[in-house]
Amino acid sequence: MDELFDAAGSLRSAYARVDWAATPLGPVSGWSRTLRAAVDITLHTRFPVTLFWGREFVMVYNEAYVDLIGKKHPAALGAPAVQVFPEIWDEIGPMLASVRTTQRATWARNMRLLMDRHGYPEECFFTFSYSAVLGAGGQVEGIVDIASETTEQVLSQRRLILLAELTDALGELDEPDQILDRTVTVLRRDPHDLPDVDVLLPRAAGRPSPVAPPALFDEGDVVVDDSAGVAVVWVRLPEASGTADDAVLVAQLSQHLPVDESYVRFVRLVGAAVTQALHRAQTRQAERRVASLERELSEKLQRSLLTRPAQREGLEVAVRYRPATERARLGGDWYDSFLQPDGSLALVIGDVAGHDRQAAATMAQIRNLLRGVAYGTRESPAAVLTDLDTAMSGLRVDAFATAILARVTQDEPQTRSGQHVLVWANAGHLPPVLVAPDGTAGLLQAPPEMLLGMDSGVVRRDHRVILAPGSTVVLYTDGLIERRGSVLDEGLAHLVGTLADRHGMTAEQMCDHLLGRYPASGEDDVALVVLRVPPAPAADYHR
């Protein structure tokens, strides 16, 4: 055997079996220097290389090229290319002819070819170049093909793209039926990996559909069946239908791809993406049910606690409550207004930190304790708040809160003049705002005192102001004016400015004005109590 083939390695015996004299190339001893040099280079490289030589493009190749053509070897060695690749000749034949005619190299990147290299037309991808090999006279003696198979990379990228599209398409869906319908729609867009896709639902799911064979998933959630000559994969989608039975993703697998580990792993990932979307939808539905229940409970609690304010003849009282978020309809802020047996009117504004269920529950405890302590006693607001501190400590209401308790009274002389007396005590709360009959507004400042719940022995003080007809007092919680990054003093000053010259408003109008000027921040709830002493009737000025 010619020493030219000594570098053929494991192909040496295959070269020896070829009757080269019977091929268009003739006996090896008669090969041209150009052909011998090209073969020598081909056999000494580890990169996949083949030569297409002469007018018939007879094939001569190295060890690395065998993996690219599969079972076509060894018959391909020494055979014309058209006989070796009849199934792809329409694609590669014109390219070879072009190189021979023009002497210009071709370039193909990730070219898709359906090559019969394992007994069926297999989907393959190659990056390769055909280059002319010139003889001594400058004529094209043959063509060299330097190739790399990229099938694995292309399939992996294609499948990752499809999985990403599927995940994105299912990401915002909340209904199982929508998820299953969208799954089928997305997977059918690219039929190369999954030529036919459907979802089978249990009959109990309400839509007519075939069902998966019984006992199909005894050995796992993904089953491949090729008993009918076509590979079909079944993927169980747990709890997709909302019934005791599972829905099933069924897909025909490509007849142009081997059903190998990477193919099955891709199908598993498809099933996992759908299952995750279904579980996510079920979680969202459960969260919505919980949120709906919370809203229902909060609204019931709101109706029971934030009642219509008590009114007293000769006064206007208006209240408002605005939750921090739509989901949490009640938080730690509260207002109250109730009449006492002696005819005085009690007003309360308070704030327990937070705007969740725990804050609402604590608020309810403190509100009801304050009502119980205050009702029926003739003690001043400061004494009532001191008693409330004692009750909170003794009953172990472990919470801190700010609050103002005010009492509005009127004696006989004040009745004739239309005046009222406001007496209040402040447990760490923001100061009320007084709008005078002439429209001037100012804070009812007082030395700060401890919050409720901090010290049951604290001594609290009362404060007093005469309310002339046309006066308005505004009690509010910090959620009205506090904003992230703002200074409290600036917020108080802005509130005073907002209320200035608003003395002509009713109590209800004042509440609406404030909520309109201070949009919801989403960070804290707001409670308001507005007390107004209506102006004296015009006839009174002529007495």
Protein backbone atom coordinates (compact mmCIF):
# COMPACT_ATOMS: atom_id res chain seq x y z
CA MET A 1 0.00 0.00 0.00
CA ASP A 2 1.22 3.49 -0.79
CA GLU A 3 3.00 5.17 2.11
CA LEU A 4 0.80 8.23 1.44
CA PHE A 5 -1.89 6.65 3.60
CA ASP A 6 0.35 5.95 6.60
CA ALA A 7 -1.11 9.04 8.32
CA ALA A 8 -4.71 7.81 7.88
CA GLY A 9 -4.75 6.30 11.37
CA SER A 10 -7.85 4.19 11.95
CA LEU A 11 -8.86 4.73 8.30
CA ARG A 12 -5.73 3.04 6.91
CA SER A 13 -7.49 -0.29 6.43
CA ALA A 14 -10.43 1.46 4.76
CA TYR A 15 -8.02 3.13 2.32
CA ALA A 16 -6.44 -0.25 1.63
CA ARG A 17 -9.80 -1.81 0.75
CA VAL A 18 -10.63 0.81 -1.87
CA ASP A 19 -9.84 -0.21 -5.44
CA TRP A 20 -8.55 3.22 -6.37
CA ALA A 21 -7.80 2.10 -9.93
CA ALA A 22 -11.54 1.52 -10.42
CA THR A 23 -12.39 5.03 -9.28
CA PRO A 24 -12.27 8.17 -11.45
CA LEU A 25 -9.02 9.03 -9.65
CA GLY A 26 -7.19 5.99 -11.03
CA PRO A 27 -4.36 4.12 -9.27
CA VAL A 28 -2.63 5.96 -6.47
CA SER A 29 0.69 5.75 -8.27
CA GLY A 30 -0.73 7.96 -11.03
CA TRP A 31 -2.10 10.70 -8.77
CA SER A 32 -0.88 14.21 -9.46
CA ARG A 33 1.47 16.01 -7.14
CA THR A 34 -1.38 18.39 -6.26
CA LEU A 35 -3.68 15.54 -5.22
CA ARG A 36 -0.96 13.77 -3.24
CA ALA A 37 -0.07 17.00 -1.43
CA ALA A 38 -3.75 17.71 -0.67
CA VAL A 39 -4.28 14.18 0.68
CA ASP A 40 -1.14 14.45 2.81
CA ILE A 41 -2.40 17.71 4.36
CA THR A 42 -5.89 16.23 4.88
CA LEU A 43 -4.61 13.17 6.69
CA HIS A 44 -2.27 15.14 8.91
CA THR A 45 -4.90 17.50 10.36
CA ARG A 46 -7.25 16.62 13.19
CA PHE A 47 -9.93 19.03 11.95
CA PRO A 48 -12.70 17.43 9.80
CA VAL A 49 -11.54 17.74 6.18
CA THR A 50 -12.62 16.08 2.94
CA LEU A 51 -11.47 16.47 -0.63
CA PHE A 52 -13.93 16.51 -3.56
CA TRP A 53 -11.60 15.64 -6.46
CA GLY A 54 -11.98 15.77 -10.20
CA ARG A 55 -15.12 16.38 -12.22
CA GLU A 56 -16.99 13.69 -10.25
CA PHE A 57 -15.99 15.22 -6.88
CA VAL A 58 -14.57 11.92 -5.62
CA MET A 59 -14.30 11.94 -1.83
CA VAL A 60 -11.08 11.50 0.13
CA TYR A 61 -11.25 12.39 3.84
CA ASN A 62 -9.62 12.02 7.25
CA GLU A 63 -10.60 10.37 10.55
CA ALA A 64 -12.30 13.47 12.00
CA TYR A 65 -14.65 13.70 8.99
CA VAL A 66 -16.14 10.25 9.65
CA ASP A 67 -18.21 11.57 12.60
CA LEU A 68 -19.86 14.07 10.25
CA ILE A 69 -21.14 11.46 7.78
CA GLY A 70 -21.97 8.58 10.10
CA LYS A 71 -22.92 5.33 8.34
CA LYS A 72 -22.00 6.73 4.93
CA HIS A 73 -18.47 5.67 5.81
CA PRO A 74 -16.66 3.60 4.54
CA ALA A 75 -18.66 3.47 1.29
CA ALA A 76 -18.09 7.20 0.81
CA LEU A 77 -14.31 6.81 0.57
CA GLY A 78 -13.36 7.01 -3.11
CA ALA A 79 -17.00 7.51 -4.22
CA PRO A 80 -18.43 10.48 -6.19
CA ALA A 81 -20.14 13.00 -3.88
CA VAL A 82 -23.46 12.80 -5.75
CA GLN A 83 -23.66 9.11 -4.86
CA VAL A 84 -22.76 9.76 -1.25
CA PHE A 85 -25.09 12.74 -0.71
CA PRO A 86 -28.07 12.34 -3.05
CA GLU A 87 -30.48 13.68 -0.36
CA ILE A 88 -28.62 16.99 -0.02
CA TRP A 89 -27.16 17.30 -3.52
CA ASP A 90 -29.56 20.09 -4.43
CA GLU A 91 -27.97 22.17 -1.66
CA ILE A 92 -24.27 21.31 -1.94
CA GLY A 93 -23.99 20.41 -5.65
CA PRO A 94 -24.40 24.00 -6.89
CA MET A 95 -21.93 25.22 -4.29
CA LEU A 96 -19.25 22.74 -5.47
CA ALA A 97 -19.92 23.61 -9.10
CA SER A 98 -19.60 27.30 -8.33
CA VAL A 99 -16.17 26.89 -6.73
CA ARG A 100 -14.95 24.85 -9.68
CA THR A 101 -16.21 27.46 -12.13
CA THR A 102 -15.24 30.67 -10.33
CA GLN A 103 -12.36 29.49 -8.12
CA ARG A 104 -13.99 31.58 -5.33
CA ALA A 105 -14.47 29.93 -1.94
CA THR A 106 -17.89 29.52 -0.36
CA TRP A 107 -18.84 30.05 3.26
CA ALA A 108 -21.85 28.56 5.08
CA ARG A 109 -22.60 29.15 8.75
CA ASN A 110 -24.88 26.77 10.61
CA MET A 111 -26.35 25.49 7.36
CA ARG A 112 -29.32 23.16 7.88
CA LEU A 113 -29.13 19.88 5.96
CA LEU A 114 -31.38 16.81 6.18
CA MET A 115 -28.66 14.18 5.85
CA ASP A 116 -29.26 10.46 5.79
CA ARG A 117 -26.32 9.35 7.89
CA HIS A 118 -28.07 7.02 10.37
CA GLY A 119 -30.85 5.50 8.31
CA TYR A 120 -33.22 8.49 8.30
CA PRO A 121 -33.14 12.12 7.09
CA GLU A 122 -31.48 13.70 10.12
CA GLU A 123 -31.58 17.43 10.80
CA CYS A 124 -27.93 18.52 10.89
CA PHE A 125 -26.17 21.87 10.96
CA PHE A 126 -22.69 22.61 9.63
CA THR A 127 -20.34 25.53 9.32
CA PHE A 128 -18.02 24.89 6.36
CA SER A 129 -16.08 26.34 3.46
CA TYR A 130 -15.45 24.92 -0.02
CA SER A 131 -12.12 26.12 -1.45
CA ALA A 132 -10.55 25.41 -4.82
CA VAL A 133 -7.31 23.39 -5.05
CA LEU A 134 -5.38 24.52 -8.13
CA GLY A 135 -3.01 22.40 -10.15
CA ALA A 136 0.32 23.41 -11.65
CA GLY A 137 -1.40 24.97 -14.66
CA GLY A 138 -3.77 27.04 -12.55
CA GLN A 139 -6.78 24.85 -13.26
CA VAL A 140 -9.10 23.57 -10.49
CA GLU A 141 -8.15 19.97 -9.78
CA GLY A 142 -10.35 19.56 -6.70
CA ILE A 143 -12.11 21.21 -3.82
CA VAL A 144 -11.24 21.03 -0.14
CA ASP A 145 -14.04 21.08 2.43
CA ILE A 146 -13.07 22.20 5.94
CA ALA A 147 -16.14 21.61 8.08
CA SER A 148 -17.45 21.73 11.64
CA GLU A 149 -20.73 20.26 12.79
CA THR A 150 -22.76 22.73 14.88
CA THR A 151 -25.91 20.66 15.31
CA GLU A 152 -25.69 20.51 19.09
CA GLN A 153 -25.13 24.25 19.48
CA VAL A 154 -27.92 25.20 17.06
CA LEU A 155 -30.45 22.84 18.64
CA SER A 156 -29.54 24.02 22.14
CA GLN A 157 -29.92 27.68 21.16
CA ARG A 158 -33.18 27.02 19.31
CA ARG A 159 -34.63 25.19 22.27
CA LEU A 160 -33.49 27.83 24.74
CA ILE A 161 -35.15 30.52 22.64
CA LEU A 162 -38.40 28.56 22.57
CA LEU A 163 -38.25 27.99 26.33
CA ALA A 164 -37.62 31.71 26.91
CA GLU A 165 -40.57 32.64 24.68
CA LEU A 166 -42.77 30.16 26.53
CA THR A 167 -41.71 31.43 29.95
CA ASP A 168 -42.31 35.05 28.93
CA ALA A 169 -45.70 34.22 27.41
CA LEU A 170 -46.88 32.44 30.55
CA GLY A 171 -45.36 34.84 33.07
CA GLU A 172 -48.34 37.13 33.61
CA LEU A 173 -51.19 34.65 33.13
CA ASP A 174 -53.28 33.76 36.17
CA GLU A 175 -55.84 31.28 34.81
CA PRO A 176 -54.91 27.62 34.15
CA ASP A 177 -56.99 27.50 30.95
CA GLN A 178 -55.18 30.56 29.61
CA ILE A 179 -51.80 29.02 30.46
CA LEU A 180 -52.57 25.77 28.67
CA ASP A 181 -53.97 27.53 25.59
CA ARG A 182 -50.97 29.88 25.41
CA THR A 183 -48.60 26.93 25.81
CA VAL A 184 -50.01 25.22 22.74
CA THR A 185 -49.93 28.47 20.76
CA VAL A 186 -46.27 29.19 21.55
CA LEU A 187 -45.02 25.64 21.00
CA ARG A 188 -46.73 25.42 17.63
CA ARG A 189 -44.85 28.47 16.33
CA ASP A 190 -41.67 26.44 15.75
CA PRO A 191 -42.49 22.89 14.65
CA HIS A 192 -38.91 21.73 14.21
CA ASP A 193 -38.58 20.20 17.68
CA LEU A 194 -42.27 19.56 18.40
CA PRO A 195 -44.11 19.14 15.07
CA ASP A 196 -47.49 18.65 16.74
CA VAL A 197 -48.53 19.72 20.26
CA ASP A 198 -51.73 19.51 22.24
CA VAL A 199 -52.96 19.45 25.83
CA LEU A 200 -55.26 16.69 26.99
CA LEU A 201 -57.64 17.64 29.77
CA PRO A 202 -59.56 15.33 32.09
CA ARG A 203 -63.20 15.05 31.13
CA ALA A 204 -64.05 16.61 34.48
CA ALA A 205 -62.35 19.84 33.40
CA GLY A 206 -65.38 20.81 31.35
CA ARG A 207 -63.93 20.64 27.83
CA PRO A 208 -64.16 17.62 25.52
CA SER A 209 -60.71 16.16 25.09
CA PRO A 210 -59.01 12.79 24.72
CA VAL A 211 -57.37 11.54 27.86
CA ALA A 212 -53.98 9.99 28.44
CA PRO A 213 -53.81 6.19 28.52
CA PRO A 214 -54.30 4.76 32.01
CA ALA A 215 -51.17 3.93 34.00
CA LEU A 216 -49.11 5.89 31.47
CA PHE A 217 -47.06 7.68 34.12
CA ASP A 218 -46.30 4.74 36.37
CA GLU A 219 -42.57 5.24 35.74
CA GLY A 220 -42.32 9.04 35.65
CA ASP A 221 -43.86 12.34 34.58
CA VAL A 222 -42.31 12.23 31.08
CA VAL A 223 -42.91 9.21 28.88
CA VAL A 224 -41.71 8.65 25.27
CA ASP A 225 -43.68 6.15 23.21
CA ASP A 226 -42.58 5.06 19.71
CA SER A 227 -44.69 1.95 19.44
CA ALA A 228 -46.71 3.38 16.53
CA GLY A 229 -43.59 4.18 14.48
CA VAL A 230 -43.66 7.87 15.39
CA ALA A 231 -42.12 9.05 18.65
CA VAL A 232 -44.68 10.74 20.93
CA VAL A 233 -43.89 12.28 24.30
CA TRP A 234 -46.37 12.58 27.17
CA VAL A 235 -45.75 15.13 29.95
CA ARG A 236 -47.91 15.21 33.06
CA LEU A 237 -48.95 18.71 34.22
CA PRO A 238 -49.91 18.27 37.88
CA GLU A 239 -53.09 20.04 39.06
CA ALA A 240 -53.42 21.98 35.82
CA SER A 241 -57.12 21.25 35.52
CA GLY A 242 -58.06 21.98 39.11
CA THR A 243 -59.49 18.46 39.38
CA ALA A 244 -58.24 15.25 40.91
CA ASP A 245 -56.82 14.20 37.51
CA ASP A 246 -53.88 15.84 35.78
CA ALA A 247 -53.78 17.47 32.37
CA VAL A 248 -51.22 16.09 29.94
CA LEU A 249 -49.04 17.78 27.36
CA VAL A 250 -48.68 15.45 24.38
CA ALA A 251 -46.31 16.20 21.52
CA GLN A 252 -45.06 14.42 18.45
CA LEU A 253 -41.27 14.41 18.28
CA SER A 254 -39.38 15.26 15.12
CA GLN A 255 -38.70 12.40 12.70
CA HIS A 256 -35.47 14.21 11.78
CA LEU A 257 -33.89 14.13 15.24
CA PRO A 258 -32.62 11.33 17.47
CA VAL A 259 -34.62 10.92 20.67
CA ASP A 260 -31.56 11.31 22.85
CA GLU A 261 -30.99 12.60 26.38
CA SER A 262 -30.80 16.26 25.35
CA TYR A 263 -34.10 15.99 23.42
CA VAL A 264 -35.91 14.44 26.38
CA ARG A 265 -34.34 16.98 28.74
CA PHE A 266 -35.71 19.78 26.56
CA VAL A 267 -39.21 18.29 26.77
CA ARG A 268 -38.85 18.03 30.55
CA LEU A 269 -37.95 21.72 30.71
CA VAL A 270 -41.04 22.58 28.65
CA GLY A 271 -43.17 20.62 31.11
CA ALA A 272 -41.43 22.28 34.06
CA ALA A 273 -42.04 25.77 32.62
CA VAL A 274 -45.75 25.04 32.18
CA THR A 275 -46.03 23.42 35.61
CA GLN A 276 -44.29 26.39 37.26
CA ALA A 277 -46.67 28.76 35.52
CA LEU A 278 -49.64 26.72 36.74
CA HIS A 279 -48.34 26.65 40.30
CA ARG A 280 -47.65 30.38 40.14
CA ALA A 281 -51.20 30.98 38.92
CA GLN A 282 -52.60 28.83 41.72
CA THR A 283 -50.52 30.78 44.24
CA ARG A 284 -51.78 34.07 42.87
CA GLN A 285 -55.36 32.84 42.99
CA ALA A 286 -54.86 31.76 46.59
CA GLU A 287 -53.31 35.14 47.40
CA ARG A 288 -56.26 36.91 45.79
CA ARG A 289 -58.67 34.81 47.83
CA VAL A 290 -56.75 35.66 51.00
CA ALA A 291 -56.62 39.33 50.02
CA SER A 292 -60.34 39.28 49.29
CA LEU A 293 -61.01 37.72 52.67
CA GLU A 294 -58.76 40.27 54.34
CA ARG A 295 -60.56 43.11 52.61
CA GLU A 296 -63.89 41.66 53.65
CA LEU A 297 -62.76 41.33 57.26
CA SER A 298 -61.17 44.78 57.19
CA GLU A 299 -64.30 46.34 55.80
CA LYS A 300 -66.39 44.68 58.51
CA LEU A 301 -63.92 45.90 61.13
CA GLN A 302 -63.93 49.33 59.53
CA ARG A 303 -67.72 49.53 59.66
CA SER A 304 -67.70 48.44 63.30
CA LEU A 305 -64.94 50.82 64.44
CA LEU A 306 -64.96 53.83 62.16
CA THR A 307 -68.58 54.72 62.72
CA ARG A 308 -70.44 57.91 61.86
CA PRO A 309 -69.46 60.65 64.28
CA ALA A 310 -71.76 61.69 67.10
CA GLN A 311 -73.19 65.17 66.61
CA ARG A 312 -74.21 67.80 69.10
CA GLU A 313 -76.61 70.61 68.49
CA GLY A 314 -74.82 73.79 67.51
CA LEU A 315 -71.71 71.94 66.24
CA GLU A 316 -70.58 70.28 63.03
CA VAL A 317 -68.41 67.14 63.18
CA ALA A 318 -67.02 65.44 60.06
CA VAL A 319 -64.62 62.51 59.85
CA ARG A 320 -62.64 60.72 57.15
CA TYR A 321 -60.48 57.62 56.93
CA ARG A 322 -58.23 56.86 53.95
CA PRO A 323 -56.30 53.54 53.94
CA ALA A 324 -52.64 53.45 53.00
CA THR A 325 -53.30 50.81 50.33
CA GLU A 326 -56.35 49.40 48.64
CA ARG A 327 -55.43 45.94 49.90
CA ALA A 328 -55.22 46.95 53.56
CA ARG A 329 -58.55 48.70 54.06
CA LEU A 330 -57.87 49.44 57.72
CA GLY A 331 -54.70 50.19 59.62
CA GLY A 332 -53.54 51.75 62.86
CA ASP A 333 -55.10 55.22 62.50
CA TRP A 334 -58.51 55.91 64.02
CA TYR A 335 -60.98 58.61 64.88
CA ASP A 336 -63.88 58.65 67.31
CA SER A 337 -66.70 60.92 68.35
CA PHE A 338 -69.19 60.13 71.08
CA LEU A 339 -71.52 61.96 73.46
CA GLN A 340 -71.05 61.61 77.20
CA PRO A 341 -73.89 61.42 79.74
CA ASP A 342 -73.34 65.07 80.79
CA GLY A 343 -73.95 66.21 77.22
CA SER A 344 -70.33 66.99 76.37
CA LEU A 345 -68.91 65.81 73.06
CA ALA A 346 -65.75 63.69 73.07
CA LEU A 347 -63.45 63.71 70.03
CA VAL A 348 -60.51 61.34 69.52
CA ILE A 349 -57.75 61.06 66.95
CA GLY A 350 -55.11 58.34 67.32
CA ASP A 351 -52.40 56.39 65.56
CA VAL A 352 -50.89 52.95 66.18
CA ALA A 353 -47.81 52.35 64.05
CA GLY A 354 -48.42 50.30 60.91
CA HIS A 355 -51.27 49.71 58.49
CA ASP A 356 -51.66 45.94 58.62
CA ARG A 357 -53.95 43.51 60.43
CA GLN A 358 -51.87 43.62 63.61
CA ALA A 359 -51.99 47.42 63.72
CA ALA A 360 -55.75 47.34 63.10
CA ALA A 361 -56.29 44.81 65.90
CA THR A 362 -54.20 46.85 68.35
CA MET A 363 -55.99 50.02 67.32
CA ALA A 364 -59.34 48.36 68.03
CA GLN A 365 -58.19 47.40 71.53
CA ILE A 366 -56.95 50.89 72.39
CA ARG A 367 -59.98 52.62 70.84
CA ASN A 368 -62.43 50.51 72.80
CA LEU A 369 -60.42 50.88 76.03
CA LEU A 370 -60.42 54.64 75.59
CA ARG A 371 -64.16 54.69 75.01
CA GLY A 372 -64.75 52.57 78.10
CA VAL A 373 -62.48 54.66 80.31
CA ALA A 374 -63.81 57.99 79.04
CA TYR A 375 -67.53 57.27 78.95
CA GLY A 376 -69.46 58.23 82.04
CA THR A 377 -66.60 60.01 83.79
CA ARG A 378 -66.41 63.73 84.45
CA GLU A 379 -62.63 63.61 84.59
CA SER A 380 -60.64 65.82 82.25
CA PRO A 381 -59.05 64.46 79.06
CA ALA A 382 -55.61 64.36 80.72
CA ALA A 383 -56.93 62.24 83.59
CA VAL A 384 -58.69 59.92 81.12
CA LEU A 385 -55.47 59.36 79.14
CA THR A 386 -53.63 58.65 82.40
CA ASP A 387 -56.28 56.06 83.29
CA LEU A 388 -55.92 54.62 79.77
CA ASP A 389 -52.16 54.19 80.33
CA THR A 390 -52.96 52.27 83.52
CA ALA A 391 -55.53 50.07 81.74
CA MET A 392 -53.14 49.29 78.87
CA SER A 393 -50.43 48.29 81.34
CA GLY A 394 -52.72 46.18 83.47
CA LEU A 395 -54.37 44.44 80.52
CA ARG A 396 -50.99 43.97 78.79
CA VAL A 397 -51.79 45.82 75.62
CA ASP A 398 -48.19 45.85 74.46
CA ALA A 399 -48.26 48.70 71.98
CA PHE A 400 -47.45 52.37 71.64
CA ALA A 401 -49.83 54.92 70.20
CA THR A 402 -50.24 58.64 69.83
CA ALA A 403 -53.64 60.18 70.56
CA ILE A 404 -55.54 63.34 71.31
CA LEU A 405 -58.64 63.23 73.48
CA ALA A 406 -60.73 66.42 73.35
CA ARG A 407 -63.95 67.37 75.11
CA VAL A 408 -66.28 70.11 73.87
CA THR A 409 -68.45 71.76 76.50
CA GLN A 410 -70.67 74.82 76.79
CA ASP A 411 -72.02 76.53 79.91
CA GLU A 412 -75.02 78.84 80.10
CA PRO A 413 -73.23 82.13 79.32
CA GLN A 414 -71.38 80.47 76.46
CA THR A 415 -74.69 79.16 75.13
CA ARG A 416 -75.95 82.73 74.86
CA SER A 417 -72.76 83.89 73.13
CA GLY A 418 -72.46 80.85 70.85
CA GLN A 419 -69.02 80.02 72.22
CA HIS A 420 -67.73 76.55 73.13
CA VAL A 421 -64.79 75.37 75.20
CA LEU A 422 -62.37 72.81 73.80
CA VAL A 423 -60.30 70.98 76.42
CA TRP A 424 -57.78 68.47 75.17
CA ALA A 425 -54.81 66.35 76.18
CA ASN A 426 -52.13 65.25 73.74
CA ALA A 427 -50.20 61.97 74.09
CA GLY A 428 -47.39 62.51 71.62
CA HIS A 429 -49.68 63.35 68.70
CA LEU A 430 -49.32 66.12 66.11
CA PRO A 431 -50.90 69.41 67.26
CA PRO A 432 -54.42 70.33 66.12
CA VAL A 433 -54.95 73.27 63.81
CA LEU A 434 -57.36 76.06 64.76
CA VAL A 435 -58.90 78.14 62.00
CA ALA A 436 -60.25 81.35 63.55
CA PRO A 437 -63.45 83.08 62.40
CA ASP A 438 -61.34 85.63 60.50
CA GLY A 439 -59.58 82.87 58.49
CA THR A 440 -56.24 82.93 60.30
CA ALA A 441 -54.88 79.45 61.04
CA GLY A 442 -52.38 78.24 63.62
CA LEU A 443 -51.24 75.19 65.53
CA LEU A 444 -52.57 74.53 69.03
CA GLN A 445 -49.09 73.90 70.33
CA ALA A 446 -48.43 72.33 73.73
CA PRO A 447 -45.37 70.83 75.43
CA PRO A 448 -44.86 67.29 74.08
CA GLU A 449 -45.94 64.37 76.26
CA MET A 450 -45.23 60.64 76.18
CA LEU A 451 -46.98 58.24 73.87
CA LEU A 452 -49.65 55.95 75.25
CA GLY A 453 -48.23 52.67 76.52
CA MET A 454 -44.79 53.98 77.45
CA ASP A 455 -45.26 54.80 81.14
CA SER A 456 -48.39 54.11 83.19
CA GLY A 457 -47.26 56.68 85.80
CA VAL A 458 -46.85 59.67 83.50
CA VAL A 459 -48.58 62.91 84.53
CA ARG A 460 -50.55 64.44 81.68
CA ARG A 461 -51.87 67.98 81.28
CA ASP A 462 -55.01 69.55 79.89
CA HIS A 463 -55.10 72.44 77.46
CA ARG A 464 -58.00 74.79 76.86
CA VAL A 465 -59.19 77.13 74.13
CA ILE A 466 -62.40 79.14 73.61
CA LEU A 467 -64.05 78.46 70.25
CA ALA A 468 -65.95 81.47 68.97
CA PRO A 469 -68.67 81.03 66.34
CA GLY A 470 -67.04 80.43 62.94
CA SER A 471 -64.07 78.55 64.45
CA THR A 472 -62.82 75.23 63.06
CA VAL A 473 -60.52 72.69 64.71
CA VAL A 474 -58.76 70.03 62.59
CA LEU A 475 -57.43 66.81 64.17
CA TYR A 476 -55.40 64.57 61.84
CA THR A 477 -52.86 61.74 61.75
CA ASP A 478 -49.35 62.05 60.38
CA GLY A 479 -50.17 60.19 57.17
CA LEU A 480 -51.85 63.37 55.94
CA ILE A 481 -48.72 65.51 55.84
CA GLU A 482 -45.65 63.29 56.20
CA ARG A 483 -43.84 62.27 53.02
CA ARG A 484 -40.59 60.39 52.61
CA GLY A 485 -37.68 62.83 52.54
CA SER A 486 -39.72 65.77 53.86
CA VAL A 487 -39.22 67.70 57.13
CA LEU A 488 -42.07 67.56 59.65
CA ASP A 489 -41.98 71.29 60.42
CA GLU A 490 -42.34 72.04 56.72
CA GLY A 491 -45.32 69.70 56.52
CA LEU A 492 -47.01 71.40 59.48
CA ALA A 493 -46.39 74.83 58.01
CA HIS A 494 -47.84 73.73 54.69
CA LEU A 495 -50.93 72.33 56.45
CA VAL A 496 -51.51 75.64 58.26
CA GLY A 497 -51.17 77.46 54.95
CA THR A 498 -53.61 75.07 53.32
CA LEU A 499 -56.23 75.78 56.00
CA ALA A 500 -55.81 79.55 56.09
CA ASP A 501 -58.82 81.49 54.75
CA ARG A 502 -60.94 78.34 54.69
CA HIS A 503 -63.19 79.53 57.53
CA GLY A 504 -66.19 79.61 55.22
CA MET A 505 -66.11 75.85 54.64
CA THR A 506 -68.35 73.41 56.44
CA ALA A 507 -66.75 70.53 58.33
CA GLU A 508 -67.55 68.13 55.47
CA GLN A 509 -66.09 70.51 52.90
CA MET A 510 -62.97 70.93 54.99
CA CYS A 511 -62.40 67.15 55.05
CA ASP A 512 -62.79 66.90 51.28
CA HIS A 513 -60.51 69.90 50.78
CA LEU A 514 -57.70 68.33 52.82
CA LEU A 515 -57.88 64.92 51.16
CA GLY A 516 -57.89 66.63 47.78
CA ARG A 517 -54.84 68.73 48.59
CA TYR A 518 -52.92 65.80 50.05
CA PRO A 519 -52.98 62.81 47.66
CA ALA A 520 -52.47 59.32 49.07
CA SER A 521 -48.80 58.45 49.54
CA GLY A 522 -49.32 54.70 49.71
CA GLU A 523 -47.12 54.61 52.82
CA ASP A 524 -49.53 55.45 55.67
CA ASP A 525 -53.23 55.70 56.32
CA VAL A 526 -54.97 58.94 57.25
CA ALA A 527 -57.68 59.78 59.79
CA LEU A 528 -59.36 63.18 60.09
CA VAL A 529 -61.74 64.80 62.58
CA VAL A 530 -63.00 68.30 61.81
CA LEU A 531 -65.00 70.22 64.43
CA ARG A 532 -66.70 73.43 63.38
CA VAL A 533 -68.66 75.97 65.37
CA PRO A 534 -71.02 77.46 62.78
CA PRO A 535 -71.07 81.26 62.54
CA ALA A 536 -73.82 83.00 64.44
CA PRO A 537 -76.92 83.79 62.37
CA ALA A 538 -76.88 87.27 60.84
CA ALA A 539 -79.87 88.36 62.97
CA ASP A 540 -77.80 87.90 66.14
CA TYR A 541 -75.55 90.82 65.22
CA HIS A 542 -78.48 93.28 65.56
CA ARG A 543 -79.43 92.36 69.13
